[in-house]
Amino acid sequence: MNRIARAFWLSRPGLGEIRSVDLPEPAPGEVLVRSLYSGVSRGTETLVFRGGVPESQHAAMRAPFQEGDFPAPVKYGYLSVGLVEEGPDALVGRTVFCLYPHQTRYVVPASAVTVVPENIPAERAVLAGTVETAVNALWDAAPLVGDRIAVVGGGMVGCSVAALLARFPGVRVQLVDADPARAKTAEALGVDFALPADALGGCDLVVHASATEQGLARALELLAAEGTVVELSWYGDRKVGLPLGEAFHSRRLTIRSSQVGTVSPARANRSYADRLALALDLLADPALDALITGESTFEELPEVMPRLASGEIPALCHRVRYPETV
């Protein structure tokens, strides 16, 4: 078998390239995976592409199989779906998800891959990492039956959260975004949509995922007394101001962070593997296909990534397709 693979590297902020990689022979307990699809998470990955990871967060922001260091050169990514070609008999021929960068083939420990259920299309399975973030956020948020909830920010993570909340009984869920085009996505996910000025207030819970100062301020405004904002946004090296005067204290509002790097303390009895397996099971819902808004080939990534980073391609999750033979 050809032991040369190709990988997408950020050679310097704003410039990517495809490099050749020598693959090792899989050792016992390892698998060789041929990539079928990978996903570009427009928020985090384009921030990395622009060189916007603050130095204080270089260690925290490392992806599991990242090579190189921030700001560059670095091989970064974490939404890969592929076919196991070599490894333990129980895995050979299975479609798997792995937190691996954009690369045509790779060798990882068998414990690093999760089998994609047979009822989940490989094309949709690239969303597993983002739905996993949404699962963790809702473990942190702990919504209750009948809650009035807003999700501010209709990006990939916000839409994933809204899609899961739509399954909760008796809740009022509204996706709030400044882009009117997100109304179509909200409809596909089965949730209401509003522009920020028109959003319904009196919320028990607001999940904020817009990564903007204005979005966080609006999230606080939408809360009822004793309400909570769960902050999912990653701001990189930007400073954010908050309106903590006015009624913030008198209404006893709460802001709490949620981050997928650790399993929610509310589910301390669950492992990372449990969380990811749950995310894959949730992908049985075809409505989540609405989160995949574009596709290109692996060879096109050096040209596509700058357009994703600039917003020229207005993506949620951009899917990367790999050749059948590499």
Protein backbone atom coordinates (compact mmCIF):
# COMPACT_ATOMS: atom_id res chain seq x y z
CA MET A 1 0.00 0.00 0.00
CA ASN A 2 1.10 3.56 -0.72
CA ARG A 3 2.51 4.96 2.55
CA ILE A 4 2.48 8.58 1.37
CA ALA A 5 -0.42 10.73 2.48
CA ARG A 6 -1.24 14.41 1.91
CA ALA A 7 -2.15 16.88 4.63
CA PHE A 8 -3.38 20.48 4.78
CA TRP A 9 -1.03 22.76 6.72
CA LEU A 10 -1.26 26.40 7.70
CA SER A 11 2.19 27.54 6.57
CA ARG A 12 1.70 31.07 7.91
CA PRO A 13 -1.40 33.01 9.03
CA GLY A 14 -3.66 33.39 6.03
CA LEU A 15 -1.80 30.91 3.81
CA GLY A 16 -2.38 27.16 3.59
CA GLU A 17 -0.71 24.45 1.56
CA ILE A 18 -0.87 20.70 0.98
CA ARG A 19 2.17 18.72 2.11
CA SER A 20 3.21 15.11 1.68
CA VAL A 21 3.35 12.95 4.80
CA ASP A 22 5.15 9.61 5.32
CA LEU A 23 2.82 7.22 7.14
CA PRO A 24 4.19 4.67 9.61
CA GLU A 25 3.14 1.03 9.59
CA PRO A 26 0.25 0.63 12.05
CA ALA A 27 1.50 -0.93 15.29
CA PRO A 28 -0.62 -3.41 17.26
CA GLY A 29 -3.61 -1.53 18.61
CA GLU A 30 -3.46 1.13 15.86
CA VAL A 31 -5.58 1.71 12.76
CA LEU A 32 -4.92 3.10 9.31
CA VAL A 33 -7.80 5.31 8.23
CA ARG A 34 -8.53 6.50 4.69
CA SER A 35 -10.39 9.80 4.84
CA LEU A 36 -13.80 10.07 3.25
CA TYR A 37 -14.84 13.51 4.51
CA SER A 38 -13.70 16.16 6.94
CA GLY A 39 -15.41 19.29 8.17
CA VAL A 40 -14.20 22.86 8.56
CA SER A 41 -15.69 24.47 11.65
CA ARG A 42 -15.84 28.04 10.42
CA GLY A 43 -15.53 29.64 13.87
CA THR A 44 -12.53 27.95 15.46
CA GLU A 45 -10.67 26.85 12.36
CA THR A 46 -10.86 30.17 10.58
CA LEU A 47 -9.65 31.90 13.76
CA VAL A 48 -6.65 29.55 13.69
CA PHE A 49 -6.21 30.25 9.97
CA ARG A 50 -6.05 33.99 10.64
CA GLY A 51 -3.47 33.48 13.41
CA GLY A 52 -5.88 34.72 16.09
CA VAL A 53 -5.18 32.22 18.89
CA PRO A 54 -3.79 34.22 21.84
CA GLU A 55 -0.46 33.03 23.19
CA SER A 56 -2.00 32.32 26.60
CA GLN A 57 -4.34 29.79 24.97
CA HIS A 58 -1.87 27.95 22.74
CA ALA A 59 -1.86 24.87 24.97
CA ALA A 60 -5.61 24.86 25.62
CA MET A 61 -6.42 25.20 21.92
CA ARG A 62 -4.30 22.28 20.73
CA ALA A 63 -6.28 19.71 18.76
CA PRO A 64 -5.73 16.05 19.72
CA PHE A 65 -3.58 15.20 16.68
CA GLN A 66 -2.28 18.67 15.89
CA GLU A 67 1.25 18.96 14.53
CA GLY A 68 3.26 22.16 14.77
CA ASP A 69 2.49 25.12 16.99
CA PHE A 70 0.40 28.27 16.84
CA PRO A 71 0.39 30.57 15.04
CA ALA A 72 2.14 28.55 12.26
CA PRO A 73 3.22 26.29 10.70
CA VAL A 74 0.51 24.06 12.08
CA LYS A 75 -1.68 21.14 10.96
CA TYR A 76 -5.06 21.71 12.61
CA GLY A 77 -8.55 20.23 12.46
CA TYR A 78 -10.80 17.83 14.32
CA LEU A 79 -13.75 16.67 12.20
CA SER A 80 -12.65 13.65 10.19
CA VAL A 81 -14.65 10.66 8.93
CA GLY A 82 -12.92 7.77 7.25
CA LEU A 83 -12.75 4.07 6.49
CA VAL A 84 -10.48 1.77 8.51
CA GLU A 85 -8.22 -0.06 6.07
CA GLU A 86 -5.85 -1.75 8.53
CA GLY A 87 -6.08 -2.57 12.22
CA PRO A 88 -8.05 -4.85 14.56
CA ASP A 89 -10.49 -7.14 12.76
CA ALA A 90 -13.45 -5.57 14.54
CA LEU A 91 -12.66 -2.19 12.96
CA VAL A 92 -11.40 -3.03 9.44
CA GLY A 93 -13.98 -1.90 6.91
CA ARG A 94 -15.89 0.23 9.42
CA THR A 95 -16.64 3.92 8.99
CA VAL A 96 -15.24 5.90 11.91
CA PHE A 97 -15.08 9.43 13.29
CA CYS A 98 -11.80 10.85 14.57
CA LEU A 99 -10.61 14.21 15.91
CA TYR A 100 -7.97 14.43 13.20
CA PRO A 101 -6.86 17.29 10.89
CA HIS A 102 -7.47 17.39 7.15
CA GLN A 103 -5.35 14.54 5.74
CA THR A 104 -5.95 11.85 3.12
CA ARG A 105 -4.81 8.93 5.31
CA TYR A 106 -3.58 8.70 8.89
CA VAL A 107 -2.52 6.23 11.59
CA VAL A 108 -3.92 6.63 15.12
CA PRO A 109 -4.57 4.42 18.16
CA ALA A 110 -7.72 2.35 17.73
CA SER A 111 -9.03 4.00 20.90
CA ALA A 112 -9.00 7.37 19.08
CA VAL A 113 -11.71 6.39 16.58
CA THR A 114 -15.43 5.98 17.17
CA VAL A 115 -17.48 3.74 14.92
CA VAL A 116 -20.21 5.64 13.06
CA PRO A 117 -23.58 3.89 13.48
CA GLU A 118 -24.77 2.24 10.29
CA ASN A 119 -27.84 4.48 10.11
CA ILE A 120 -25.70 7.66 10.04
CA PRO A 121 -24.40 8.71 6.60
CA ALA A 122 -20.65 9.36 6.52
CA GLU A 123 -21.40 12.72 4.92
CA ARG A 124 -23.35 13.81 8.02
CA ALA A 125 -20.97 12.27 10.55
CA VAL A 126 -18.52 15.18 10.13
CA LEU A 127 -20.91 17.10 12.40
CA ALA A 128 -20.19 14.78 15.35
CA GLY A 129 -17.60 17.06 16.96
CA THR A 130 -19.92 20.08 16.86
CA VAL A 131 -22.95 18.16 18.10
CA GLU A 132 -20.69 16.90 20.90
CA THR A 133 -20.05 20.55 21.84
CA ALA A 134 -23.81 21.13 21.88
CA VAL A 135 -24.36 18.08 24.09
CA ASN A 136 -21.81 19.36 26.59
CA ALA A 137 -23.39 22.83 26.53
CA LEU A 138 -26.81 21.41 27.34
CA TRP A 139 -25.37 19.28 30.13
CA ASP A 140 -23.99 22.55 31.54
CA ALA A 141 -27.18 24.50 30.89
CA ALA A 142 -29.57 21.81 32.23
CA PRO A 143 -32.74 23.12 30.53
CA LEU A 144 -36.05 22.16 32.12
CA VAL A 145 -39.42 21.22 30.68
CA GLY A 146 -41.29 24.38 29.77
CA ASP A 147 -38.26 26.69 29.76
CA ARG A 148 -38.22 29.80 27.59
CA ILE A 149 -34.91 29.64 25.74
CA ALA A 150 -33.05 31.73 23.18
CA VAL A 151 -29.93 30.71 21.27
CA VAL A 152 -28.10 33.87 20.22
CA GLY A 153 -25.79 33.21 17.29
CA GLY A 154 -26.79 31.05 14.35
CA GLY A 155 -23.39 29.61 13.54
CA MET A 156 -22.52 25.94 13.54
CA VAL A 157 -22.49 25.54 17.32
CA GLY A 158 -25.54 27.71 17.96
CA CYS A 159 -27.59 25.88 15.34
CA SER A 160 -26.53 22.52 16.79
CA VAL A 161 -27.69 23.62 20.25
CA ALA A 162 -31.00 24.89 18.83
CA ALA A 163 -31.55 21.62 16.98
CA LEU A 164 -31.12 19.58 20.17
CA LEU A 165 -33.30 21.95 22.20
CA ALA A 166 -36.08 21.50 19.65
CA ARG A 167 -36.42 17.94 21.00
CA PHE A 168 -37.07 19.05 24.59
CA PRO A 169 -40.76 18.83 25.62
CA GLY A 170 -42.67 22.01 26.19
CA VAL A 171 -39.80 24.47 25.64
CA ARG A 172 -40.01 27.70 23.70
CA VAL A 173 -36.86 27.85 21.55
CA GLN A 174 -35.87 30.79 19.38
CA LEU A 175 -32.73 31.09 17.27
CA VAL A 176 -31.54 34.70 17.19
CA ASP A 177 -29.12 35.98 14.56
CA ALA A 178 -28.40 39.22 12.72
CA ASP A 179 -28.39 37.40 9.35
CA PRO A 180 -31.95 37.00 8.00
CA ALA A 181 -30.72 34.07 5.89
CA ARG A 182 -30.46 31.99 9.09
CA ALA A 183 -34.28 31.90 9.17
CA LYS A 184 -34.19 29.17 6.54
CA THR A 185 -31.77 27.11 8.63
CA ALA A 186 -33.92 27.58 11.73
CA GLU A 187 -36.98 26.38 9.81
CA ALA A 188 -35.13 23.26 8.68
CA LEU A 189 -34.15 22.56 12.29
CA GLY A 190 -37.69 23.04 13.55
CA VAL A 191 -37.14 26.16 15.66
CA ASP A 192 -38.42 29.72 15.58
CA PHE A 193 -36.17 32.53 14.30
CA ALA A 194 -35.82 36.21 15.14
CA LEU A 195 -33.52 39.10 14.38
CA PRO A 196 -31.89 40.48 17.57
CA ALA A 197 -34.28 43.43 17.85
CA ASP A 198 -37.32 41.17 17.53
CA ALA A 199 -36.26 38.37 19.89
CA LEU A 200 -38.61 37.27 22.64
CA GLY A 201 -37.52 38.26 26.14
CA GLY A 202 -38.32 36.76 29.51
CA CYS A 203 -35.98 33.82 28.91
CA ASP A 204 -35.04 31.40 31.64
CA LEU A 205 -31.96 30.43 29.67
CA VAL A 206 -29.98 32.00 26.83
CA VAL A 207 -27.20 30.12 25.08
CA HIS A 208 -24.79 32.61 23.53
CA ALA A 209 -22.72 31.54 20.52
CA SER A 210 -22.35 34.62 18.31
CA ALA A 211 -18.77 35.45 19.41
CA THR A 212 -19.69 39.14 19.39
CA GLU A 213 -19.89 41.71 22.17
CA GLN A 214 -23.26 42.88 20.87
CA GLY A 215 -24.61 39.33 20.93
CA LEU A 216 -23.59 38.77 24.53
CA ALA A 217 -25.15 42.08 25.58
CA ARG A 218 -28.39 41.13 23.83
CA ALA A 219 -28.32 37.71 25.48
CA LEU A 220 -28.31 39.38 28.91
CA GLU A 221 -31.19 41.65 27.89
CA LEU A 222 -33.33 38.66 26.94
CA LEU A 223 -33.13 37.04 30.37
CA ALA A 224 -35.87 36.95 32.95
CA ALA A 225 -34.94 37.58 36.57
CA GLU A 226 -32.65 34.85 37.93
CA GLY A 227 -31.94 33.76 34.33
CA THR A 228 -28.67 32.34 33.02
CA VAL A 229 -26.53 32.94 29.95
CA VAL A 230 -24.38 29.97 28.98
CA GLU A 231 -21.43 31.37 27.05
CA LEU A 232 -20.14 29.16 24.24
CA SER A 233 -18.32 31.79 22.19
CA TRP A 234 -14.58 31.71 21.66
CA TYR A 235 -13.26 35.25 21.24
CA GLY A 236 -9.61 34.43 20.59
CA ASP A 237 -7.47 37.49 21.27
CA ARG A 238 -10.36 39.99 21.29
CA LYS A 239 -11.41 41.83 24.47
CA VAL A 240 -15.12 41.94 25.26
CA GLY A 241 -17.01 44.58 27.26
CA LEU A 242 -20.11 43.64 29.25
CA PRO A 243 -23.01 45.80 30.50
CA LEU A 244 -22.83 44.68 34.12
CA GLY A 245 -24.46 47.84 35.43
CA GLU A 246 -28.12 48.65 34.92
CA ALA A 247 -30.26 45.66 36.03
CA PHE A 248 -27.59 42.94 35.99
CA HIS A 249 -27.31 42.74 39.79
CA SER A 250 -30.88 43.64 40.73
CA ARG A 251 -32.21 40.87 38.46
CA ARG A 252 -29.58 38.42 39.80
CA LEU A 253 -28.46 37.29 36.36
CA THR A 254 -25.81 34.61 35.81
CA ILE A 255 -23.17 34.15 33.11
CA ARG A 256 -21.43 30.80 33.01
CA SER A 257 -18.94 29.39 30.55
CA SER A 258 -19.12 26.06 28.74
CA GLN A 259 -16.21 24.51 26.93
CA VAL A 260 -16.01 21.14 25.20
CA GLY A 261 -12.42 20.51 26.35
CA THR A 262 -13.77 18.96 29.56
CA VAL A 263 -16.86 16.87 30.15
CA SER A 264 -19.50 18.91 31.98
CA PRO A 265 -19.21 18.50 35.77
CA ALA A 266 -22.96 17.89 35.69
CA ARG A 267 -22.17 14.57 34.00
CA ALA A 268 -19.01 13.60 35.87
CA ASN A 269 -19.97 9.94 35.46
CA ARG A 270 -19.68 10.21 31.66
CA SER A 271 -16.47 9.88 29.64
CA TYR A 272 -15.37 11.70 26.50
CA ALA A 273 -16.17 8.51 24.59
CA ASP A 274 -19.70 8.44 26.05
CA ARG A 275 -20.27 12.02 24.99
CA LEU A 276 -19.06 11.47 21.43
CA ALA A 277 -21.07 8.25 21.06
CA LEU A 278 -24.20 10.15 22.13
CA ALA A 279 -23.46 12.90 19.60
CA LEU A 280 -23.19 10.33 16.81
CA ASP A 281 -26.50 8.73 17.84
CA LEU A 282 -28.18 12.15 17.71
CA LEU A 283 -27.04 12.57 14.12
CA ALA A 284 -29.74 10.12 13.04
CA ASP A 285 -31.92 13.22 12.55
CA PRO A 286 -31.70 14.24 8.86
CA ALA A 287 -32.69 17.80 9.80
CA LEU A 288 -29.05 18.30 10.87
CA ASP A 289 -28.02 18.17 7.21
CA ALA A 290 -29.01 21.86 7.18
CA LEU A 291 -25.77 22.60 9.07
CA ILE A 292 -23.66 21.52 6.09
CA THR A 293 -23.72 24.48 3.76
CA GLY A 294 -21.01 23.74 1.22
CA GLU A 295 -18.55 21.19 -0.05
CA SER A 296 -15.23 21.19 -1.89
CA THR A 297 -12.48 18.72 -2.63
CA PHE A 298 -9.43 18.25 -0.44
CA GLU A 299 -7.20 19.64 -3.21
CA GLU A 300 -9.18 22.89 -3.16
CA LEU A 301 -8.59 23.60 0.54
CA PRO A 302 -5.67 26.06 0.06
CA GLU A 303 -7.99 28.24 -2.07
CA VAL A 304 -11.17 27.64 -0.09
CA MET A 305 -9.90 28.27 3.44
CA PRO A 306 -9.10 31.99 2.91
CA ARG A 307 -12.59 32.48 1.46
CA LEU A 308 -14.13 30.79 4.50
CA ALA A 309 -12.02 32.92 6.85
CA SER A 310 -13.01 36.16 5.10
CA GLY A 311 -16.70 35.28 4.98
CA GLU A 312 -16.76 35.25 1.18
CA ILE A 313 -18.13 31.71 1.57
CA PRO A 314 -20.85 32.14 4.25
CA ALA A 315 -20.58 28.65 5.71
CA LEU A 316 -21.80 26.90 8.81
CA CYS A 317 -19.95 23.59 8.36
CA HIS A 318 -18.01 23.31 5.12
CA ARG A 319 -17.48 19.69 4.11
CA VAL A 320 -14.28 18.47 2.47
CA ARG A 321 -14.50 15.49 0.12
CA TYR A 322 -11.54 13.15 -0.40
CA PRO A 323 -10.67 11.13 -3.51
CA GLU A 324 -11.57 7.42 -3.50
CA THR A 325 -7.95 6.47 -4.15
CA VAL A 326 -5.10 8.33 -2.50
